[in-house]
N, C-alpha and C. Protein backbone atom coordinates (compact mmCIF):
# COMPACT_ATOMS: atom_id res chain seq x y z
N MET A 1 64.90 99.59 162.19
CA MET A 1 64.97 98.55 161.14
C MET A 1 66.31 97.89 161.53
N ALA A 2 66.41 96.84 161.39
CA ALA A 2 67.72 95.87 161.55
C ALA A 2 68.49 95.90 160.47
N LEU A 3 69.82 96.13 160.56
CA LEU A 3 70.87 96.04 159.42
C LEU A 3 71.39 94.65 159.35
N HIS A 4 71.34 94.02 158.32
CA HIS A 4 72.03 92.82 158.13
C HIS A 4 73.39 92.99 157.72
N PRO A 5 74.29 92.28 158.44
CA PRO A 5 75.79 92.42 158.15
C PRO A 5 75.97 91.58 156.79
N LEU A 6 77.04 92.26 156.09
CA LEU A 6 77.30 91.64 154.73
C LEU A 6 78.26 90.35 154.94
N ALA A 7 77.81 89.23 154.22
CA ALA A 7 78.56 88.02 154.22
C ALA A 7 80.05 88.46 153.61
N PRO A 8 80.97 87.55 154.06
CA PRO A 8 82.43 87.70 153.56
C PRO A 8 82.41 87.73 151.97
N GLY A 9 83.10 88.72 151.41
CA GLY A 9 83.20 88.92 150.10
C GLY A 9 81.97 89.57 149.21
N GLU A 10 81.00 89.83 150.10
CA GLU A 10 79.84 90.54 149.37
C GLU A 10 80.01 92.05 149.44
N SER A 11 79.54 92.56 148.20
CA SER A 11 79.60 94.07 147.98
C SER A 11 78.43 94.89 148.56
N SER A 12 78.47 95.92 148.94
CA SER A 12 77.46 96.71 149.48
C SER A 12 76.47 97.23 148.29
N SER A 13 77.15 97.19 147.12
CA SER A 13 76.40 97.71 145.97
C SER A 13 75.66 96.53 145.38
N SER A 14 74.39 96.64 144.86
CA SER A 14 73.56 95.83 144.05
C SER A 14 74.11 95.44 142.87
N ASN A 15 74.93 96.07 142.20
CA ASN A 15 75.61 95.79 140.96
C ASN A 15 77.22 96.10 141.05
N PRO A 16 77.98 95.10 141.47
CA PRO A 16 79.39 95.38 141.75
C PRO A 16 80.17 95.74 140.53
N PRO A 17 81.31 96.57 140.62
CA PRO A 17 81.70 96.97 139.40
C PRO A 17 82.39 95.82 138.32
N ASP A 18 82.65 94.70 139.05
CA ASP A 18 83.27 93.70 138.16
C ASP A 18 82.22 92.83 137.52
N SER A 19 80.88 92.91 137.99
CA SER A 19 79.89 92.10 137.68
C SER A 19 79.59 92.01 136.07
N PRO A 20 79.32 91.10 135.50
CA PRO A 20 79.05 91.04 134.11
C PRO A 20 77.89 91.90 133.57
N PRO A 21 77.89 92.66 132.46
CA PRO A 21 76.86 93.58 131.98
C PRO A 21 75.67 92.92 131.94
N ALA A 22 74.54 93.64 131.99
CA ALA A 22 73.24 93.11 131.70
C ALA A 22 73.08 92.78 130.20
N PRO A 23 72.30 91.82 130.02
CA PRO A 23 72.19 91.35 128.56
C PRO A 23 71.34 92.23 127.93
N GLY A 24 71.22 92.26 126.49
CA GLY A 24 70.53 93.13 125.76
C GLY A 24 70.45 94.50 125.65
N TRP A 25 69.63 95.34 125.35
CA TRP A 25 69.53 96.80 125.46
C TRP A 25 69.81 97.37 126.76
N GLN A 26 69.37 96.78 127.66
CA GLN A 26 69.45 97.11 129.16
C GLN A 26 70.95 97.30 129.46
N GLY A 27 71.82 96.39 129.11
CA GLY A 27 73.27 96.32 129.29
C GLY A 27 73.82 97.44 128.46
N ILE A 28 73.43 97.87 127.24
CA ILE A 28 73.97 98.89 126.50
C ILE A 28 73.63 100.22 127.22
N ALA A 29 72.39 100.27 127.50
CA ALA A 29 71.97 101.64 128.24
C ALA A 29 72.86 101.92 129.65
N SER A 30 73.07 100.76 130.23
CA SER A 30 73.81 100.84 131.64
C SER A 30 75.24 101.10 131.34
N ASP A 31 75.79 100.73 130.26
CA ASP A 31 77.23 101.10 129.75
C ASP A 31 77.49 102.52 129.54
N TRP A 32 76.59 102.99 128.58
CA TRP A 32 76.68 104.38 128.19
C TRP A 32 76.25 105.33 129.28
N ALA A 33 75.12 104.93 130.18
CA ALA A 33 74.88 105.73 131.44
C ALA A 33 76.01 105.87 132.45
N SER A 34 76.71 104.96 132.54
CA SER A 34 77.91 104.90 133.49
C SER A 34 79.26 105.52 132.94
N ASP A 35 78.80 105.90 131.69
CA ASP A 35 80.05 106.78 131.02
C ASP A 35 81.31 105.82 130.77
N LYS A 36 81.05 104.65 130.40
CA LYS A 36 82.10 103.60 129.88
C LYS A 36 82.40 103.88 128.48
N GLU A 37 83.87 103.67 128.08
CA GLU A 37 84.26 103.91 126.72
C GLU A 37 83.30 102.80 125.84
N ALA A 38 82.90 103.47 124.87
CA ALA A 38 81.82 102.76 124.04
C ALA A 38 82.82 101.58 123.21
N PHE A 39 83.96 102.15 122.76
CA PHE A 39 84.73 101.16 121.66
C PHE A 39 86.09 100.79 122.64
N LYS A 40 85.90 99.92 123.55
CA LYS A 40 86.73 99.79 124.55
C LYS A 40 88.18 99.23 123.97
N GLN A 41 88.18 98.34 122.89
CA GLN A 41 89.22 97.67 122.33
C GLN A 41 89.81 98.63 121.05
N VAL A 42 88.99 99.58 120.78
CA VAL A 42 89.29 100.44 119.48
C VAL A 42 89.66 101.85 119.80
N PRO A 43 90.82 102.23 119.57
CA PRO A 43 91.13 103.88 119.93
C PRO A 43 90.21 104.56 119.15
N TRP A 44 89.99 105.88 119.66
CA TRP A 44 88.94 106.78 119.04
C TRP A 44 89.35 107.33 117.71
N GLY A 45 90.74 107.49 117.47
CA GLY A 45 91.26 108.00 116.40
C GLY A 45 90.89 106.94 114.96
N LYS A 46 91.12 105.65 115.45
CA LYS A 46 90.78 104.75 114.53
C LYS A 46 89.34 104.56 114.02
N ALA A 47 88.72 104.61 115.28
CA ALA A 47 87.08 104.43 114.98
C ALA A 47 86.54 105.57 114.17
N MET A 48 87.00 106.90 114.36
CA MET A 48 86.48 108.03 113.53
C MET A 48 87.02 107.77 112.14
N MET A 49 88.01 107.36 111.94
CA MET A 49 88.53 107.19 110.59
C MET A 49 87.64 106.08 109.84
N TRP A 50 87.41 105.08 110.59
CA TRP A 50 86.45 104.05 109.95
C TRP A 50 85.13 104.59 109.69
N ILE A 51 84.61 105.31 110.54
CA ILE A 51 83.26 106.19 110.34
C ILE A 51 83.42 107.14 109.11
N PHE A 52 84.41 107.91 109.06
CA PHE A 52 84.74 108.77 107.86
C PHE A 52 84.75 108.04 106.56
N LEU A 53 85.47 106.92 106.54
CA LEU A 53 85.77 106.17 105.43
C LEU A 53 84.45 105.46 105.03
N LEU A 54 83.52 105.11 105.90
CA LEU A 54 82.28 104.52 105.67
C LEU A 54 81.26 105.75 104.87
N SER A 55 81.24 106.88 105.44
CA SER A 55 80.45 107.99 104.81
C SER A 55 80.95 108.11 103.33
N ASP A 56 82.44 108.07 103.19
CA ASP A 56 82.96 108.55 102.05
C ASP A 56 82.67 107.32 100.96
N THR A 57 82.46 106.14 101.46
CA THR A 57 82.07 104.98 100.78
C THR A 57 80.62 105.47 100.00
N PHE A 58 79.87 105.92 100.92
CA PHE A 58 78.41 106.25 100.49
C PHE A 58 78.51 107.22 99.36
N VAL A 59 79.60 108.16 99.28
CA VAL A 59 79.53 109.18 98.33
C VAL A 59 80.05 108.61 97.06
N PHE A 60 81.22 107.69 97.14
CA PHE A 60 81.57 107.09 95.88
C PHE A 60 80.63 106.19 95.23
N THR A 61 79.83 105.52 96.22
CA THR A 61 78.65 104.65 95.53
C THR A 61 77.82 105.42 94.85
N CYS A 62 77.18 106.56 95.38
CA CYS A 62 76.34 107.34 94.75
C CYS A 62 76.90 107.74 93.30
N PHE A 63 78.04 108.31 93.17
CA PHE A 63 78.81 108.63 91.99
C PHE A 63 78.80 107.47 90.92
N LEU A 64 79.33 106.39 91.45
CA LEU A 64 79.30 105.16 90.39
C LEU A 64 78.00 104.72 89.98
N THR A 65 77.09 104.64 91.11
CA THR A 65 75.79 104.21 90.63
C THR A 65 75.01 105.05 89.62
N GLY A 66 75.21 106.53 89.92
CA GLY A 66 74.70 107.59 88.67
C GLY A 66 75.44 107.16 87.56
N TYR A 67 76.73 107.12 87.61
CA TYR A 67 77.27 106.97 86.26
C TYR A 67 76.88 105.46 85.44
N MET A 68 76.65 104.63 86.26
CA MET A 68 76.19 103.20 85.65
C MET A 68 74.87 103.54 85.04
N SER A 69 73.95 104.02 85.88
CA SER A 69 72.43 104.46 85.53
C SER A 69 72.46 105.17 84.12
N VAL A 70 73.49 106.24 83.95
CA VAL A 70 73.54 107.04 82.86
C VAL A 70 73.93 105.97 81.57
N ARG A 71 75.06 105.15 81.71
CA ARG A 71 75.48 104.42 80.84
C ARG A 71 74.43 103.46 80.25
N MET A 72 73.51 103.00 81.20
CA MET A 72 72.70 102.08 80.80
C MET A 72 71.25 102.61 80.09
N THR A 73 71.16 103.88 80.48
CA THR A 73 69.87 104.41 79.87
C THR A 73 70.05 105.38 78.80
N ILE A 74 71.19 105.87 78.50
CA ILE A 74 71.30 106.78 77.44
C ILE A 74 71.42 106.14 76.19
N THR A 75 70.66 106.92 75.17
CA THR A 75 70.47 106.37 73.92
C THR A 75 71.58 106.87 72.83
N THR A 76 72.61 107.93 73.13
CA THR A 76 73.58 108.38 72.42
C THR A 76 74.85 107.49 72.56
N ALA A 77 75.33 107.15 71.53
CA ALA A 77 76.75 106.31 71.78
C ALA A 77 77.71 106.78 72.72
N TRP A 78 78.00 105.90 73.57
CA TRP A 78 79.11 106.22 74.48
C TRP A 78 80.51 105.96 73.98
N PRO A 79 81.44 106.84 74.18
CA PRO A 79 82.91 106.56 73.72
C PRO A 79 83.42 105.41 74.08
N ASN A 80 84.13 104.89 73.17
CA ASN A 80 84.91 103.50 73.55
C ASN A 80 86.18 104.04 74.44
N PRO A 81 86.35 103.50 75.76
CA PRO A 81 87.42 103.84 76.49
C PRO A 81 88.80 103.38 75.86
N SER A 82 88.77 102.22 75.25
CA SER A 82 90.01 101.94 74.72
C SER A 82 90.70 102.89 73.50
N GLU A 83 89.68 103.65 73.02
CA GLU A 83 90.10 104.51 72.04
C GLU A 83 90.40 105.90 72.63
N VAL A 84 89.52 106.43 73.46
CA VAL A 84 89.59 107.67 74.21
C VAL A 84 90.89 107.64 74.98
N PHE A 85 91.13 106.85 75.64
CA PHE A 85 92.33 106.79 76.76
C PHE A 85 93.49 106.17 76.12
N ALA A 86 93.78 105.96 74.83
CA ALA A 86 94.78 105.44 74.09
C ALA A 86 95.86 106.64 74.17
N LEU A 87 97.12 106.01 73.94
CA LEU A 87 98.30 106.73 73.78
C LEU A 87 99.02 106.58 72.49
N THR A 88 99.51 107.40 71.66
CA THR A 88 100.30 107.08 70.42
C THR A 88 101.73 106.93 70.91
N ILE A 89 102.30 105.91 70.74
CA ILE A 89 103.65 105.76 71.16
C ILE A 89 104.40 104.89 69.93
N GLY A 90 105.25 105.73 69.28
CA GLY A 90 106.04 105.11 68.14
C GLY A 90 105.00 104.99 66.84
N GLY A 91 104.04 105.93 66.66
CA GLY A 91 103.20 105.88 65.67
C GLY A 91 101.98 104.88 65.92
N GLN A 92 101.94 104.20 66.99
CA GLN A 92 100.79 103.23 67.12
C GLN A 92 100.10 103.53 68.33
N ALA A 93 98.80 103.56 68.27
CA ALA A 93 97.83 103.88 69.35
C ALA A 93 97.74 102.71 70.33
N ILE A 94 98.30 102.72 71.62
CA ILE A 94 98.20 101.62 72.56
C ILE A 94 97.07 101.89 73.55
N PRO A 95 96.09 101.12 73.64
CA PRO A 95 94.90 101.56 74.32
C PRO A 95 95.23 101.26 75.96
N LEU A 96 94.64 102.36 76.79
CA LEU A 96 94.82 102.05 78.24
C LEU A 96 96.09 102.01 78.87
N VAL A 97 97.18 102.28 78.03
CA VAL A 97 98.56 102.03 78.58
C VAL A 97 98.87 103.06 79.87
N LEU A 98 98.34 104.36 79.76
CA LEU A 98 98.41 105.31 80.81
C LEU A 98 97.89 104.91 82.11
N ILE A 99 96.41 104.49 81.94
CA ILE A 99 95.65 104.10 82.80
C ILE A 99 96.32 102.62 83.63
N ALA A 100 96.93 101.90 82.84
CA ALA A 100 97.50 100.72 83.47
C ALA A 100 98.62 101.02 84.38
N ILE A 101 99.61 102.16 83.93
CA ILE A 101 100.55 102.74 84.68
C ILE A 101 99.98 103.21 85.78
N MET A 102 99.13 103.91 85.69
CA MET A 102 98.56 104.87 87.06
C MET A 102 98.09 103.80 87.92
N THR A 103 97.45 102.67 87.55
CA THR A 103 96.71 101.71 88.52
C THR A 103 98.11 101.13 89.12
N PHE A 104 99.02 100.56 88.39
CA PHE A 104 100.13 99.84 89.08
C PHE A 104 100.91 100.83 90.13
N VAL A 105 101.00 102.12 89.79
CA VAL A 105 101.47 102.93 90.61
C VAL A 105 100.81 103.25 91.92
N LEU A 106 99.48 103.16 91.93
CA LEU A 106 98.91 103.22 93.17
C LEU A 106 98.53 102.14 93.95
N ILE A 107 98.52 101.00 93.09
CA ILE A 107 98.68 99.74 93.91
C ILE A 107 99.99 99.40 94.62
N SER A 108 100.90 99.75 93.92
CA SER A 108 102.29 99.67 94.57
C SER A 108 102.41 100.59 95.85
N SER A 109 101.74 101.64 95.86
CA SER A 109 101.71 102.70 97.19
C SER A 109 101.17 101.93 98.13
N SER A 110 100.09 101.07 98.06
CA SER A 110 99.51 100.34 98.96
C SER A 110 100.49 99.20 99.65
N GLY A 111 101.61 98.86 98.97
CA GLY A 111 102.48 98.03 99.58
C GLY A 111 103.58 98.69 100.37
N THR A 112 104.06 100.05 99.84
CA THR A 112 104.81 100.77 100.71
C THR A 112 104.22 101.21 101.86
N MET A 113 102.84 101.67 101.97
CA MET A 113 102.26 102.07 103.10
C MET A 113 102.12 100.85 103.95
N ALA A 114 101.82 99.62 103.54
CA ALA A 114 101.91 98.45 104.72
C ALA A 114 103.17 98.32 105.24
N MET A 115 104.31 98.49 104.43
CA MET A 115 105.59 98.50 105.10
C MET A 115 105.83 99.46 106.02
N ALA A 116 105.25 100.81 105.96
CA ALA A 116 105.38 101.86 106.78
C ALA A 116 104.92 101.62 108.22
N VAL A 117 103.70 100.99 108.06
CA VAL A 117 102.83 100.66 109.33
C VAL A 117 103.55 99.65 110.02
N ASN A 118 104.21 98.71 109.31
CA ASN A 118 105.15 97.49 109.91
C ASN A 118 106.16 98.08 110.61
N PHE A 119 107.05 98.95 110.08
CA PHE A 119 108.14 99.59 110.50
C PHE A 119 107.81 100.49 111.66
N ALA A 120 106.59 101.08 111.64
CA ALA A 120 106.21 101.91 112.77
C ALA A 120 105.86 101.30 114.09
N TYR A 121 105.48 100.06 113.94
CA TYR A 121 105.09 99.42 115.18
C TYR A 121 106.44 98.57 115.67
N ARG A 122 107.42 98.66 114.76
CA ARG A 122 108.80 98.09 115.43
C ARG A 122 109.60 99.28 115.94
N ARG A 123 109.13 100.72 116.02
CA ARG A 123 109.69 101.82 116.44
C ARG A 123 111.06 102.23 115.55
N ASP A 124 110.89 101.80 114.24
CA ASP A 124 111.98 102.19 113.18
C ASP A 124 111.61 103.49 112.57
N ARG A 125 112.06 104.65 113.15
CA ARG A 125 111.60 105.81 112.74
C ARG A 125 112.18 106.05 111.22
N ALA A 126 113.43 105.82 111.04
CA ALA A 126 114.05 106.09 109.71
C ALA A 126 113.27 105.42 108.47
N LYS A 127 112.99 104.00 108.67
CA LYS A 127 112.43 103.28 107.63
C LYS A 127 110.85 103.72 107.48
N THR A 128 110.26 103.87 108.65
CA THR A 128 108.89 104.31 108.50
C THR A 128 108.76 105.61 107.59
N THR A 129 109.57 106.62 108.09
CA THR A 129 109.53 107.86 107.36
C THR A 129 109.69 107.55 105.80
N ALA A 130 110.78 106.74 105.56
CA ALA A 130 111.15 106.44 104.04
C ALA A 130 110.00 105.86 103.46
N MET A 131 109.23 105.10 104.06
CA MET A 131 108.23 104.29 103.16
C MET A 131 107.12 105.23 103.17
N MET A 132 106.78 106.02 104.11
CA MET A 132 105.67 107.01 103.95
C MET A 132 105.77 108.07 102.96
N LEU A 133 107.13 108.43 102.91
CA LEU A 133 107.48 109.44 101.90
C LEU A 133 107.46 108.80 100.49
N ALA A 134 107.97 107.52 100.43
CA ALA A 134 107.70 106.73 99.16
C ALA A 134 106.21 106.68 98.58
N THR A 135 105.59 106.44 99.68
CA THR A 135 103.97 106.38 99.33
C THR A 135 103.43 107.70 98.79
N ALA A 136 103.87 108.66 99.51
CA ALA A 136 103.29 110.07 99.02
C ALA A 136 104.09 110.35 97.67
N ALA A 137 105.14 110.00 97.36
CA ALA A 137 105.88 110.19 96.02
C ALA A 137 104.97 109.41 94.97
N LEU A 138 104.63 108.11 95.21
CA LEU A 138 103.83 107.45 94.28
C LEU A 138 102.51 108.14 94.19
N GLY A 139 101.92 108.58 95.12
CA GLY A 139 100.66 109.53 95.04
C GLY A 139 100.86 110.67 94.15
N VAL A 140 102.02 111.47 94.26
CA VAL A 140 102.15 112.62 93.64
C VAL A 140 102.43 112.08 92.03
N THR A 141 103.02 111.01 91.75
CA THR A 141 103.23 110.55 90.33
C THR A 141 101.82 110.09 89.74
N PHE A 142 100.95 109.63 90.74
CA PHE A 142 99.63 109.31 90.04
C PHE A 142 98.86 110.64 89.83
N VAL A 143 98.63 111.49 90.57
CA VAL A 143 98.18 112.79 90.34
C VAL A 143 98.66 113.36 89.20
N GLY A 144 100.09 113.36 88.95
CA GLY A 144 100.72 114.08 87.91
C GLY A 144 100.35 113.39 86.51
N MET A 145 100.05 112.01 86.53
CA MET A 145 99.54 111.38 85.29
C MET A 145 98.16 111.62 85.05
N GLN A 146 97.47 111.77 86.09
CA GLN A 146 96.08 112.02 85.99
C GLN A 146 95.86 113.47 85.35
N ALA A 147 96.78 114.37 85.92
CA ALA A 147 96.71 115.78 85.34
C ALA A 147 97.03 115.83 83.67
N PHE A 148 98.05 114.99 83.30
CA PHE A 148 98.23 114.76 82.01
C PHE A 148 97.06 114.18 81.13
N GLU A 149 96.32 113.20 81.66
CA GLU A 149 95.18 112.57 81.13
C GLU A 149 93.99 113.66 80.89
N TRP A 150 94.03 114.53 82.06
CA TRP A 150 92.95 115.62 81.80
C TRP A 150 93.32 116.52 80.65
N SER A 151 94.64 116.92 80.67
CA SER A 151 95.05 117.81 79.75
C SER A 151 94.74 117.32 78.25
N LYS A 152 95.17 116.14 78.16
CA LYS A 152 95.00 115.49 76.90
C LYS A 152 93.67 115.51 76.43
N LEU A 153 92.57 114.95 77.11
CA LEU A 153 91.17 115.06 76.78
C LEU A 153 90.58 116.56 76.72
N ILE A 154 90.91 117.32 77.57
CA ILE A 154 90.60 118.84 77.32
C ILE A 154 91.00 119.20 76.04
N ALA A 155 92.24 118.93 75.59
CA ALA A 155 92.82 119.56 74.31
C ALA A 155 91.93 118.73 73.09
N GLU A 156 91.56 117.68 73.23
CA GLU A 156 90.60 116.92 72.40
C GLU A 156 89.36 117.45 72.34
N GLY A 157 88.92 118.35 73.21
CA GLY A 157 87.47 118.93 73.09
C GLY A 157 86.59 118.33 74.11
N VAL A 158 86.91 117.41 75.04
CA VAL A 158 86.03 117.00 76.01
C VAL A 158 85.76 118.04 77.15
N ARG A 159 84.46 118.27 77.54
CA ARG A 159 84.06 119.15 78.46
C ARG A 159 83.16 118.64 79.47
N PRO A 160 82.79 119.12 80.66
CA PRO A 160 81.76 118.63 81.32
C PRO A 160 80.45 118.78 80.95
N TRP A 161 80.28 119.62 79.94
CA TRP A 161 78.84 119.79 79.14
C TRP A 161 78.93 119.46 77.83
N GLY A 162 79.97 118.91 77.25
CA GLY A 162 79.77 118.34 76.00
C GLY A 162 81.15 117.43 75.60
N ASN A 163 80.92 116.75 74.61
CA ASN A 163 81.96 115.62 74.08
C ASN A 163 81.87 115.40 72.55
N PRO A 164 82.86 115.78 71.88
CA PRO A 164 82.90 115.57 70.35
C PRO A 164 83.03 114.08 70.07
N MET A 165 83.26 113.13 71.05
CA MET A 165 83.40 111.75 70.65
C MET A 165 82.03 110.97 70.92
N GLY A 166 81.12 111.53 71.40
CA GLY A 166 80.04 110.85 71.66
C GLY A 166 79.03 111.60 72.98
N ALA A 167 78.65 110.85 73.64
CA ALA A 167 77.67 111.31 74.52
C ALA A 167 78.25 112.43 75.51
N ALA A 168 77.32 113.34 75.68
CA ALA A 168 77.82 114.52 76.26
C ALA A 168 78.15 114.30 77.81
N GLN A 169 77.39 113.27 78.40
CA GLN A 169 77.60 112.91 79.76
C GLN A 169 78.93 112.34 80.03
N PHE A 170 79.64 111.96 78.85
CA PHE A 170 81.02 111.15 79.32
C PHE A 170 81.84 112.26 80.04
N GLY A 171 81.99 113.33 79.57
CA GLY A 171 82.84 114.36 80.15
C GLY A 171 82.53 114.89 81.64
N ALA A 172 81.08 114.83 81.76
CA ALA A 172 80.75 115.25 83.17
C ALA A 172 81.02 114.18 84.20
N SER A 173 80.77 112.86 83.74
CA SER A 173 81.10 111.71 84.56
C SER A 173 82.68 111.52 84.74
N PHE A 174 83.28 111.51 83.72
CA PHE A 174 84.72 111.48 83.88
C PHE A 174 85.44 112.55 84.79
N PHE A 175 85.18 113.84 84.61
CA PHE A 175 85.78 114.94 85.47
C PHE A 175 85.23 114.85 86.84
N MET A 176 83.97 114.41 87.06
CA MET A 176 83.52 114.43 88.43
C MET A 176 84.02 113.29 89.24
N ILE A 177 84.08 112.04 88.78
CA ILE A 177 84.44 110.88 89.42
C ILE A 177 86.05 110.68 89.48
N THR A 178 86.82 111.01 88.41
CA THR A 178 88.23 111.05 88.52
C THR A 178 88.84 112.03 89.38
N GLY A 179 88.20 113.37 89.18
CA GLY A 179 88.53 114.57 90.10
C GLY A 179 88.23 114.36 91.50
N PHE A 180 87.26 113.92 91.87
CA PHE A 180 86.75 113.64 93.39
C PHE A 180 87.92 112.65 93.86
N HIS A 181 88.31 111.88 93.15
CA HIS A 181 89.24 110.71 93.65
C HIS A 181 90.52 111.31 93.53
N GLY A 182 91.04 112.03 92.59
CA GLY A 182 92.39 112.75 92.55
C GLY A 182 92.39 113.64 93.64
N LEU A 183 91.17 114.32 94.28
CA LEU A 183 91.29 115.12 95.41
C LEU A 183 91.76 114.39 96.52
N HIS A 184 91.03 113.17 96.80
CA HIS A 184 91.44 112.25 97.69
C HIS A 184 92.93 111.95 97.77
N VAL A 185 93.25 111.66 96.81
CA VAL A 185 94.67 111.27 96.68
C VAL A 185 95.73 112.47 97.03
N SER A 186 95.29 113.72 96.52
CA SER A 186 96.06 114.81 96.86
C SER A 186 95.98 115.13 98.46
N ILE A 187 95.08 115.12 98.85
CA ILE A 187 94.80 115.33 100.33
C ILE A 187 95.56 114.17 101.12
N GLY A 188 95.54 112.87 100.61
CA GLY A 188 96.30 111.91 101.33
C GLY A 188 97.74 112.10 101.26
N VAL A 189 98.26 112.62 100.14
CA VAL A 189 99.85 113.04 99.95
C VAL A 189 100.16 113.99 101.19
N ILE A 190 99.26 115.01 101.10
CA ILE A 190 99.68 115.92 102.29
C ILE A 190 99.47 115.47 103.56
N TYR A 191 98.45 114.56 103.76
CA TYR A 191 98.39 113.73 105.15
C TYR A 191 99.64 113.00 105.42
N LEU A 192 100.02 112.18 104.53
CA LEU A 192 101.07 111.27 104.81
C LEU A 192 102.52 111.92 104.95
N THR A 193 102.78 113.11 104.16
CA THR A 193 103.90 113.72 104.41
C THR A 193 104.04 114.24 105.87
N THR A 194 102.81 114.96 106.30
CA THR A 194 102.82 115.61 107.53
C THR A 194 103.08 114.48 108.44
N VAL A 195 102.43 113.34 108.62
CA VAL A 195 102.78 112.28 109.53
C VAL A 195 104.32 111.72 109.42
N ALA A 196 104.64 111.62 108.22
CA ALA A 196 106.02 111.14 108.14
C ALA A 196 107.17 112.00 108.67
N LEU A 197 106.87 113.38 108.60
CA LEU A 197 107.84 114.45 109.13
C LEU A 197 107.64 114.31 110.50
N LYS A 198 106.47 114.19 111.27
CA LYS A 198 106.40 114.04 112.61
C LYS A 198 106.85 112.77 113.26
N VAL A 199 106.85 111.56 112.40
CA VAL A 199 107.63 110.41 112.74
C VAL A 199 109.12 110.69 113.02
N LEU A 200 109.55 111.45 111.85
CA LEU A 200 111.13 111.56 111.75
C LEU A 200 111.46 112.55 112.85
N ARG A 201 110.87 113.51 113.24
CA ARG A 201 110.99 114.34 114.34
C ARG A 201 110.81 113.72 115.54
N GLY A 202 110.35 112.59 115.76
CA GLY A 202 110.30 111.81 117.20
C GLY A 202 108.99 112.15 117.88
N ASP A 203 107.93 112.89 117.23
CA ASP A 203 106.77 113.31 118.06
C ASP A 203 106.05 111.97 118.61
N TYR A 204 105.94 111.02 117.88
CA TYR A 204 105.28 109.66 118.52
C TYR A 204 106.12 108.86 119.28
N GLU A 205 107.40 108.94 119.31
CA GLU A 205 108.25 108.18 119.99
C GLU A 205 108.21 108.65 121.49
N ARG A 206 107.95 110.11 121.70
CA ARG A 206 107.62 110.39 123.08
C ARG A 206 106.25 110.16 123.71
N SER A 207 105.34 109.86 122.72
CA SER A 207 104.14 109.33 123.37
C SER A 207 103.87 107.82 123.21
N ALA A 208 105.00 107.22 122.62
CA ALA A 208 104.87 105.78 122.41
C ALA A 208 103.51 105.35 121.76
N ASN A 209 103.19 105.98 120.77
CA ASN A 209 102.07 105.78 120.12
C ASN A 209 102.05 105.95 118.66
N TYR A 210 102.15 104.99 117.91
CA TYR A 210 102.38 104.86 116.45
C TYR A 210 101.10 104.53 115.67
N GLN A 211 99.97 104.62 116.37
CA GLN A 211 98.83 104.14 115.82
C GLN A 211 98.34 105.12 114.67
N VAL A 212 98.72 106.29 114.83
CA VAL A 212 98.49 107.23 113.83
C VAL A 212 98.93 106.88 112.44
N VAL A 213 100.01 106.25 112.37
CA VAL A 213 100.58 105.66 111.00
C VAL A 213 99.64 104.65 110.54
N GLU A 214 99.16 103.73 111.33
CA GLU A 214 98.16 102.89 110.89
C GLU A 214 96.77 103.50 110.37
N ILE A 215 96.44 104.62 111.07
CA ILE A 215 95.36 105.40 110.77
C ILE A 215 95.38 105.98 109.39
N ALA A 216 96.53 106.44 109.12
CA ALA A 216 96.72 107.12 107.71
C ALA A 216 96.84 106.16 106.72
N GLY A 217 97.44 104.91 107.16
CA GLY A 217 97.27 103.70 105.98
C GLY A 217 95.87 103.30 105.88
N LEU A 218 95.02 103.33 106.83
CA LEU A 218 93.35 103.11 106.55
C LEU A 218 93.18 104.11 105.50
N TYR A 219 93.26 105.36 105.54
CA TYR A 219 92.79 106.25 104.48
C TYR A 219 93.40 105.95 103.13
N TRP A 220 94.67 105.55 103.09
CA TRP A 220 95.34 105.45 101.93
C TRP A 220 94.99 104.13 101.24
N HIS A 221 94.72 103.11 102.12
CA HIS A 221 94.19 101.90 101.40
C HIS A 221 92.84 102.18 100.75
N PHE A 222 92.01 102.77 101.43
CA PHE A 222 90.73 103.05 101.07
C PHE A 222 90.73 103.77 99.81
N VAL A 223 91.72 104.72 99.59
CA VAL A 223 91.80 105.55 98.30
C VAL A 223 92.08 104.46 97.27
N ASP A 224 93.02 103.62 97.39
CA ASP A 224 93.60 102.55 96.54
C ASP A 224 92.36 101.69 96.00
N LEU A 225 91.55 101.28 97.04
CA LEU A 225 90.56 100.48 96.70
C LEU A 225 89.38 101.20 96.00
N VAL A 226 89.19 102.27 96.06
CA VAL A 226 88.06 103.07 95.52
C VAL A 226 88.67 103.25 93.89
N TRP A 227 89.91 103.36 93.61
CA TRP A 227 90.40 103.26 92.28
C TRP A 227 90.32 102.10 91.57
N VAL A 228 90.39 100.98 92.12
CA VAL A 228 89.88 99.51 91.55
C VAL A 228 88.66 99.59 91.01
N PHE A 229 87.77 100.18 91.74
CA PHE A 229 86.30 100.23 91.31
C PHE A 229 86.10 101.19 90.10
N ILE A 230 86.84 102.40 90.21
CA ILE A 230 86.76 103.20 89.13
C ILE A 230 87.39 102.88 87.90
N PHE A 231 88.44 102.11 88.05
CA PHE A 231 89.26 101.35 86.93
C PHE A 231 88.30 100.47 86.13
N ALA A 232 87.62 99.55 87.03
CA ALA A 232 86.87 98.62 86.44
C ALA A 232 85.53 99.14 85.77
N PHE A 233 84.69 100.11 86.38
CA PHE A 233 83.48 100.49 85.98
C PHE A 233 83.62 101.53 84.62
N PHE A 234 84.69 102.43 84.98
CA PHE A 234 84.93 103.50 83.94
C PHE A 234 85.93 103.18 82.75
N TYR A 235 86.84 102.48 83.00
CA TYR A 235 87.88 102.30 81.95
C TYR A 235 87.83 100.91 81.20
N LEU A 236 87.19 100.21 81.91
CA LEU A 236 87.06 98.71 81.31
C LEU A 236 85.70 98.33 80.64
N TRP A 237 84.67 99.07 81.23
CA TRP A 237 83.23 98.85 80.85
C TRP A 237 82.95 99.46 79.47
């Protein structure tokens, strides 16, 4: 059988490496079969964090949906959040003052975290560390105020299985939702502190990769965003 010579510039492969991918599902199957990087423009660490946050979104959505279902179907009187979460200052009960401060602290931490990411990509180790530790300190402040809030309600007789102020489901909903979010904040504080110390030590300077700071920021911004929904549905409704 005669062999036909290749024309100038023609490749011996029927599908040259630089050729455009096949359209549709055939192209996707071809890319995966040839062991190409699935998310070429997105680092795996960031992609995995987005997948984790997506799964966590489903969990918080289930909690809040269950809470709203209970609120809309229960026949027992639900406690008034403005009265339950009021603080007596100077002999006068101020509604939701502690919750407002907690929200301000957590939202402010998103600003310091954004500044940390900005300084990280500028390779400013000192300012990156300072902003991350400031974010972690605001997180500790938030958790401390939440612990005070829990202690106050427990002293007033609120339990997961009962509540002297009204519907028994109030205690279960409150401790489950705010406790799960508080756990996320506590884990985030440990996470940010660890990354900050590694930045200060210069671990990412040697690898010239500060994307881990941005990935930590994604987690923290998610925690802040979830609190906005908890604040709206639980404390304002």
